Amino acid sequence: MSLPLLRLYPARFRREFGDEIAEAYREATEGADRRTRFREAADIAAHAFRLRLGAGSAQPGGRLFAAVSPYALAATASYAAFNLISTVSDWQISHNPDFLVPLTYATSGSYVVALVGAVLALCGRASGALWSLVGMIANALCVLVVVLPADLPVPWQLPAFLLLPLVSAVLPLACPPDLRPPRRILSTAGVVALVLWAPLAVFLFALLDSKGIGLFLHWRYGVPVLAALALAGRYALSGLRTAPQVALAALPFMITSFFGGVVDGDSIPSILLLIAITAFGVRQWRRRNSGTPTPT
């Protein structure tokens, strides 16, 4: 392995495990093609950066990202599904002019990629989190095409609208590989069926909504949230053990619901208070059930 790649690791870790890492890299890439060598090098670089950021699997940061990752994926999936339902439904109702049709297709496609990627990641496919992020980035570019020429009353709205949902999509990538959600759908056929069902169900909801059956905006967000949390399963719930984990797991839902227009700014203080109370309650419950005395 080249010396610059090893230098990405903290000095102490490099002294203790540098030779072992170099030997593992040599064995993995011996006689391999360029793609395999690049993938192995990228894995090592990502591992080194996680260690430097305190996000290794044996570090508190890594356990925090592992606990939050399923909820960030669920928030991204529900946000993409919510916007996909809204885009398709509103398109059915308003019949956008021809010049907006390609952009509507591109926006819908970005939401489909984000939704399918998040579903794949919740099923235990590591590449799904990356595709989810790609979909959200593509959507941000589509939004820029429409909004950038416009005069915004509040300058910070556009950066916040674009970046904060992206943060939710980035969080799962910080989860250490050995702490990612287990592969809950074992067969490839099962994953394909689930991934196909996700966007098809969204389009079905959108078509129903376009006919006036959906009377409230909240169901567009609430139904995908419940579906995503059900897909995350008990594994996600069991990972929340500390107050910071509970608080950070709830923030992606608050962010996506706010920028989806489901909640307004006046509701944010109440939501933050509810998150704090829930986090404190989980902390007390965990301490009581683990037998650890609660400090007075």
Foldseek 3Di string as FASTA:
>chain_A
DDPVLLVLADPVCCVVCVVVLVVVLCVQCPVHDPVSNVVSSVLSNLQRVCVVVQLAPPGPNLLLLLLQQLLLLLLLLLLLLLVLLVLLLVCLQPVDDPVCVVLSVQLNVLSLQLNLLSLCQLLPDPCSLVSNLVSLVSNLVSVCVVPVVDDDPDVVVSVLLSVVNSVSSCSNVSHHSVSGNHNNQPDPVSSVVVSVVSVVVSSVSSVVVSVVPDPDSVCSNVVSSVVSVVSNPVVSVVSDQALSSQLSNCVSNVSSCDSSVVDDPVCVVVVNVVSNVVRVVSNVVNCVVVVHDDDD
